[in-house]
C-alpha atoms as a PDB file:
ATOM      1  CA  MET A   1     102.171  95.711 102.655  1.00  0.00           C
ATOM      2  CA  ASN A   2      98.956  96.447 100.877  1.00  0.00           C
ATOM      3  CA  LYS A   3      97.233  94.132  98.418  1.00  0.00           C
ATOM      4  CA  LYS A   4      98.392  96.104  95.362  1.00  0.00           C
ATOM      5  CA  THR A   5     102.047  95.838  96.434  1.00  0.00           C
ATOM      6  CA  ILE A   6     101.751  92.101  97.050  1.00  0.00           C
ATOM      7  CA  ILE A   7     100.201  91.630  93.602  1.00  0.00           C
ATOM      8  CA  TRP A   8     103.027  93.670  92.023  1.00  0.00           C
ATOM      9  CA  ILE A   9     105.711  91.641  93.824  1.00  0.00           C
ATOM     10  CA  THR A  10     104.029  88.413  92.745  1.00  0.00           C
ATOM     11  CA  LYS A  11     103.855  89.590  89.122  1.00  0.00           C
ATOM     12  CA  VAL A  12     107.507  90.668  89.098  1.00  0.00           C
ATOM     13  CA  THR A  13     108.568  87.336  90.568  1.00  0.00           C
ATOM     14  CA  LEU A  14     106.573  85.357  88.004  1.00  0.00           C
ATOM     15  CA  ILE A  15     107.790  87.531  85.124  1.00  0.00           C
ATOM     16  CA  SER A  16     111.380  86.968  86.314  1.00  0.00           C
ATOM     17  CA  LEU A  17     110.887  83.222  86.432  1.00  0.00           C
ATOM     18  CA  VAL A  18     109.396  83.113  82.951  1.00  0.00           C
ATOM     19  CA  ALA A  19     111.985  85.511  81.490  1.00  0.00           C
ATOM     20  CA  ALA A  20     114.853  83.517  82.988  1.00  0.00           C
ATOM     21  CA  ALA A  21     113.437  80.261  81.648  1.00  0.00           C
ATOM     22  CA  VAL A  22     112.841  81.693  78.161  1.00  0.00           C
ATOM     23  CA  PHE A  23     116.264  83.392  77.958  1.00  0.00           C
ATOM     24  CA  THR A  24     118.047  80.295  79.268  1.00  0.00           C
ATOM     25  CA  LEU A  25     116.267  77.976  76.838  1.00  0.00           C
ATOM     26  CA  ALA A  26     116.891  80.352  73.939  1.00  0.00           C
ATOM     27  CA  SER A  27     120.541  80.700  74.865  1.00  0.00           C
ATOM     28  CA  ALA A  28     121.062  76.950  75.278  1.00  0.00           C
ATOM     29  CA  GLU A  29     119.220  76.213  72.029  1.00  0.00           C
ATOM     30  CA  ILE A  30     121.148  78.817  70.045  1.00  0.00           C
ATOM     31  CA  LEU A  31     124.494  77.846  71.557  1.00  0.00           C
ATOM     32  CA  GLY A  32     123.845  74.134  71.103  1.00  0.00           C
ATOM     33  CA  ASN A  33     125.184  73.765  67.591  1.00  0.00           C
ATOM     34  CA  THR A  34     126.641  77.141  66.678  1.00  0.00           C
ATOM     35  CA  GLY A  35     130.126  78.399  66.217  1.00  0.00           C
ATOM     36  CA  PHE A  36     131.951  80.738  68.535  1.00  0.00           C
ATOM     37  CA  ILE A  37     131.054  83.892  66.584  1.00  0.00           C
ATOM     38  CA  ILE A  38     127.327  83.270  67.035  1.00  0.00           C
ATOM     39  CA  SER A  39     127.898  82.242  70.658  1.00  0.00           C
ATOM     40  CA  PHE A  40     129.737  85.475  71.437  1.00  0.00           C
ATOM     41  CA  THR A  41     127.062  87.434  69.538  1.00  0.00           C
ATOM     42  CA  VAL A  42     124.365  85.896  71.746  1.00  0.00           C
ATOM     43  CA  LEU A  43     126.430  86.739  74.820  1.00  0.00           C
ATOM     44  CA  ALA A  44     126.918  90.328  73.653  1.00  0.00           C
ATOM     45  CA  THR A  45     123.189  90.624  72.956  1.00  0.00           C
ATOM     46  CA  PHE A  46     122.315  89.655  76.543  1.00  0.00           C
ATOM     47  CA  ILE A  47     124.858  92.134  77.900  1.00  0.00           C
ATOM     48  CA  ILE A  48     123.548  94.946  75.671  1.00  0.00           C
ATOM     49  CA  ILE A  49     119.916  94.237  76.605  1.00  0.00           C
ATOM     50  CA  GLY A  50     120.867  94.401  80.287  1.00  0.00           C
ATOM     51  CA  ILE A  51     122.673  97.711  79.809  1.00  0.00           C
ATOM     52  CA  ILE A  52     119.832  99.250  77.773  1.00  0.00           C
ATOM     53  CA  PHE A  53     117.199  98.331  80.337  1.00  0.00           C
ATOM     54  CA  ASP A  54     119.433  99.570  83.153  1.00  0.00           C
ATOM     55  CA  VAL A  55     119.737 102.919  81.342  1.00  0.00           C
ATOM     56  CA  ILE A  56     115.955 103.147  80.896  1.00  0.00           C
ATOM     57  CA  GLY A  57     115.349 102.293  84.557  1.00  0.00           C
ATOM     58  CA  ILE A  58     117.766 104.963  85.773  1.00  0.00           C
ATOM     59  CA  ALA A  59     116.462 107.552  83.289  1.00  0.00           C
ATOM     60  CA  VAL A  60     112.880 107.008  84.480  1.00  0.00           C
ATOM     61  CA  THR A  61     114.052 107.554  88.056  1.00  0.00           C
ATOM     62  CA  ALA A  62     115.956 110.721  87.122  1.00  0.00           C
ATOM     63  CA  ALA A  63     113.313 112.229  84.823  1.00  0.00           C
ATOM     64  CA  ASN A  64     110.914 115.014  85.743  1.00  0.00           C
ATOM     65  CA  GLU A  65     107.221 114.892  84.810  1.00  0.00           C
ATOM     66  CA  ALA A  66     107.001 118.553  83.680  1.00  0.00           C
ATOM     67  CA  PRO A  67     108.525 118.218  80.175  1.00  0.00           C
ATOM     68  CA  PHE A  68     106.309 115.217  79.433  1.00  0.00           C
ATOM     69  CA  ASN A  69     103.192 117.045  80.605  1.00  0.00           C
ATOM     70  CA  SER A  70     104.053 119.814  78.141  1.00  0.00           C
ATOM     71  CA  MET A  71     104.775 117.355  75.320  1.00  0.00           C
ATOM     72  CA  ALA A  72     101.578 115.414  76.023  1.00  0.00           C
ATOM     73  CA  THR A  73      99.573 118.648  75.871  1.00  0.00           C
ATOM     74  CA  ARG A  74     101.079 119.285  72.427  1.00  0.00           C
ATOM     75  CA  ARG A  75     100.222 115.671  71.515  1.00  0.00           C
ATOM     76  CA  GLN A  76     103.820 114.716  70.810  1.00  0.00           C
ATOM     77  CA  ARG A  77     104.056 111.053  69.918  1.00  0.00           C
ATOM     78  CA  GLY A  78     105.201 108.949  72.865  1.00  0.00           C
ATOM     79  CA  ALA A  79     104.804 111.714  75.445  1.00  0.00           C
ATOM     80  CA  VAL A  80     101.765 110.176  77.157  1.00  0.00           C
ATOM     81  CA  GLU A  81     103.557 106.840  77.452  1.00  0.00           C
ATOM     82  CA  ALA A  82     106.722 108.572  78.711  1.00  0.00           C
ATOM     83  CA  LEU A  83     104.680 110.450  81.311  1.00  0.00           C
ATOM     84  CA  GLN A  84     103.160 107.165  82.480  1.00  0.00           C
ATOM     85  CA  LEU A  85     106.627 105.648  82.763  1.00  0.00           C
ATOM     86  CA  VAL A  86     107.768 108.523  84.994  1.00  0.00           C
ATOM     87  CA  LYS A  87     104.575 108.479  87.084  1.00  0.00           C
ATOM     88  CA  ASN A  88     105.079 104.754  87.681  1.00  0.00           C
ATOM     89  CA  GLY A  89     108.828 105.103  88.171  1.00  0.00           C
ATOM     90  CA  SER A  90     109.255 102.631  91.009  1.00  0.00           C
ATOM     91  CA  ARG A  91     107.560  99.858  89.050  1.00  0.00           C
ATOM     92  CA  VAL A  92     109.338 100.699  85.803  1.00  0.00           C
ATOM     93  CA  THR A  93     112.694 100.807  87.561  1.00  0.00           C
ATOM     94  CA  SER A  94     111.989  97.517  89.303  1.00  0.00           C
ATOM     95  CA  TYR A  95     111.030  95.893  86.005  1.00  0.00           C
ATOM     96  CA  CYS A  96     113.909  97.359  83.964  1.00  0.00           C
ATOM     97  CA  ASN A  97     116.713  97.050  86.514  1.00  0.00           C
ATOM     98  CA  ASP A  98     115.630  94.073  88.591  1.00  0.00           C
ATOM     99  CA  VAL A  99     113.686  91.855  86.228  1.00  0.00           C
ATOM    100  CA  ILE A 100     115.305  92.415  82.846  1.00  0.00           C
ATOM    101  CA  GLY A 101     118.655  93.749  84.067  1.00  0.00           C
ATOM    102  CA  ASP A 102     119.276  91.037  86.640  1.00  0.00           C
ATOM    103  CA  VAL A 103     117.896  88.218  84.513  1.00  0.00           C
ATOM    104  CA  THR A 104     120.072  89.175  81.525  1.00  0.00           C
ATOM    105  CA  GLY A 105     123.053  89.457  83.879  1.00  0.00           C
ATOM    106  CA  ILE A 106     122.483  85.959  85.196  1.00  0.00           C
ATOM    107  CA  ILE A 107     121.863  84.560  81.719  1.00  0.00           C
ATOM    108  CA  SER A 108     124.979  86.259  80.324  1.00  0.00           C
ATOM    109  CA  GLY A 109     126.960  84.569  83.116  1.00  0.00           C
ATOM    110  CA  THR A 110     125.427  81.219  82.223  1.00  0.00           C
ATOM    111  CA  THR A 111     126.098  81.838  78.529  1.00  0.00           C
ATOM    112  CA  ALA A 112     129.702  82.774  79.314  1.00  0.00           C
ATOM    113  CA  ALA A 113     130.106  79.541  81.289  1.00  0.00           C
ATOM    114  CA  LEU A 114     128.714  77.505  78.373  1.00  0.00           C
ATOM    115  CA  ILE A 115     131.124  79.224  75.975  1.00  0.00           C
ATOM    116  CA  ALA A 116     134.046  78.622  78.337  1.00  0.00           C
ATOM    117  CA  ALA A 117     133.125  74.921  78.638  1.00  0.00           C
ATOM    118  CA  ARG A 118     132.964  74.607  74.850  1.00  0.00           C
ATOM    119  CA  LEU A 119     136.340  76.337  74.513  1.00  0.00           C
ATOM    120  CA  MET A 120     137.866  73.976  77.078  1.00  0.00           C
ATOM    121  CA  ASP A 121     136.359  70.994  75.270  1.00  0.00           C
ATOM    122  CA  GLY A 122     137.442  72.275  71.859  1.00  0.00           C
ATOM    123  CA  PHE A 123     141.021  72.801  72.993  1.00  0.00           C
ATOM    124  CA  SER A 124     141.044  69.633  75.121  1.00  0.00           C
ATOM    125  CA  SER A 125     142.094  71.762  78.036  1.00  0.00           C
ATOM    126  CA  GLU A 126     141.383  71.430  81.719  1.00  0.00           C
ATOM    127  CA  THR A 127     142.907  74.791  82.575  1.00  0.00           C
ATOM    128  CA  ILE A 128     140.790  77.337  84.392  1.00  0.00           C
ATOM    129  CA  LEU A 129     142.138  80.037  82.082  1.00  0.00           C
ATOM    130  CA  PHE A 130     139.136  80.149  79.689  1.00  0.00           C
ATOM    131  CA  PRO A 131     136.464  80.521  82.393  1.00  0.00           C
ATOM    132  CA  VAL A 132     138.496  83.153  84.254  1.00  0.00           C
ATOM    133  CA  ILE A 133     139.154  85.261  81.162  1.00  0.00           C
ATOM    134  CA  ILE A 134     135.590  85.045  79.854  1.00  0.00           C
ATOM    135  CA  SER A 135     134.089  85.754  83.278  1.00  0.00           C
ATOM    136  CA  ALA A 136     136.397  88.733  83.798  1.00  0.00           C
ATOM    137  CA  VAL A 137     135.626  90.200  80.371  1.00  0.00           C
ATOM    138  CA  VAL A 138     131.852  89.709  80.736  1.00  0.00           C
ATOM    139  CA  THR A 139     131.904  91.277  84.197  1.00  0.00           C
ATOM    140  CA  GLY A 140     134.078  94.185  83.092  1.00  0.00           C
ATOM    141  CA  VAL A 141     132.005  94.940  80.008  1.00  0.00           C
ATOM    142  CA  THR A 142     128.727  94.664  81.929  1.00  0.00           C
ATOM    143  CA  VAL A 143     129.801  96.813  84.890  1.00  0.00           C
ATOM    144  CA  GLY A 144     131.620  99.326  82.684  1.00  0.00           C
ATOM    145  CA  GLY A 145     128.709  99.508  80.253  1.00  0.00           C
ATOM    146  CA  LYS A 146     126.217 100.073  83.068  1.00  0.00           C
ATOM    147  CA  ALA A 147     128.464 102.741  84.627  1.00  0.00           C
ATOM    148  CA  ILE A 148     128.664 104.625  81.323  1.00  0.00           C
ATOM    149  CA  GLY A 149     124.929 104.072  80.862  1.00  0.00           C
ATOM    150  CA  LYS A 150     124.127 105.582  84.262  1.00  0.00           C
ATOM    151  CA  VAL A 151     126.041 108.771  83.454  1.00  0.00           C
ATOM    152  CA  PHE A 152     124.185 108.943  80.136  1.00  0.00           C
ATOM    153  CA  ALA A 153     120.828 108.170  81.811  1.00  0.00           C
ATOM    154  CA  PHE A 154     121.168 110.986  84.330  1.00  0.00           C
ATOM    155  CA  SER A 155     122.313 113.555  81.756  1.00  0.00           C
ATOM    156  CA  LYS A 156     119.798 112.612  79.046  1.00  0.00           C
ATOM    157  CA  SER A 157     116.880 111.256  81.092  1.00  0.00           C
ATOM    158  CA  THR A 158     114.178 113.213  79.240  1.00  0.00           C
ATOM    159  CA  GLU A 159     115.397 112.081  75.822  1.00  0.00           C
ATOM    160  CA  ILE A 160     115.774 108.461  76.919  1.00  0.00           C
ATOM    161  CA  VAL A 161     112.335 108.265  78.542  1.00  0.00           C
ATOM    162  CA  LEU A 162     110.746 109.947  75.519  1.00  0.00           C
ATOM    163  CA  ALA A 163     112.458 107.415  73.222  1.00  0.00           C
ATOM    164  CA  ALA A 164     111.084 104.596  75.395  1.00  0.00           C
ATOM    165  CA  GLY A 165     107.647 106.253  75.261  1.00  0.00           C
ATOM    166  CA  LYS A 166     107.832 106.482  71.468  1.00  0.00           C
ATOM    167  CA  PHE A 167     108.802 102.822  71.282  1.00  0.00           C
ATOM    168  CA  LEU A 168     105.836 101.840  73.466  1.00  0.00           C
ATOM    169  CA  ASN A 169     103.601 104.087  71.356  1.00  0.00           C
ATOM    170  CA  PHE A 170     104.867 102.431  68.176  1.00  0.00           C
ATOM    171  CA  LEU A 171     104.099  98.998  69.633  1.00  0.00           C
ATOM    172  CA  LYS A 172     100.734 100.288  70.910  1.00  0.00           C
ATOM    173  CA  ILE A 173     101.652  99.220  74.468  1.00  0.00           C
ATOM    174  CA  LYS A 174     100.037 101.179  77.285  1.00  0.00           C
ATOM    175  CA  PRO A 175     100.992  99.217  80.423  1.00  0.00           C
ATOM    176  CA  PHE A 176      99.769 101.851  82.882  1.00  0.00           C
ATOM    177  CA  SER A 177      96.484 102.770  81.222  1.00  0.00           C
ATOM    178  CA  LYS A 178      93.347 102.935  83.373  1.00  0.00           C
ATOM    179  CA  LYS A 179      92.123  99.696  81.755  1.00  0.00           C
ATOM    180  CA  ASN A 180      95.265  97.788  82.824  1.00  0.00           C
ATOM    181  CA  GLN A 181      95.355  99.361  86.295  1.00  0.00           C
ATOM    182  CA  ASP A 182      91.776  98.273  87.000  1.00  0.00           C
ATOM    183  CA  LYS A 183      92.855  94.634  86.516  1.00  0.00           C
ATOM    184  CA  THR A 184      95.334  94.838  89.424  1.00  0.00           C
ATOM    185  CA  LYS A 185      92.804  96.126  91.984  1.00  0.00           C
END
């Protein structure tokens, strides 16, 4: 492995650790004193974030540079950022699918377990029924959502990557600019 790859792996690992810690703390804090509607909303939010980032990661992998080159030439908003996403596809996919996707998957499992424990406590039940049902539903929704998302990502990759590029443009984020790349050398 070259130095640049080792630096990237180190960054991804550290980002994963921080993201997992932040998401876990946020989830535990929010779930601490809330009702079941808010708890399930938090759980759904983690699942949706995981699915969205999975879709973006797959779309970046499936997209072709040519349309974005044309859009960038015409100075279409977000096209330069979208082109950079496609050109750095392996890193974007790793970040979207592995870092955000996997971390939100793990956190949604943890959140589901916390909800199941609260349900068992609230109903004074020691049955395994609540954890099994919640785990099955979370798994089914996550896997099914990602499967639908993958079909969508492959069929609409250009539109999805351009939307991500526009979002980055709106936030003024240019993660693969020459300035940022020089810092990793």
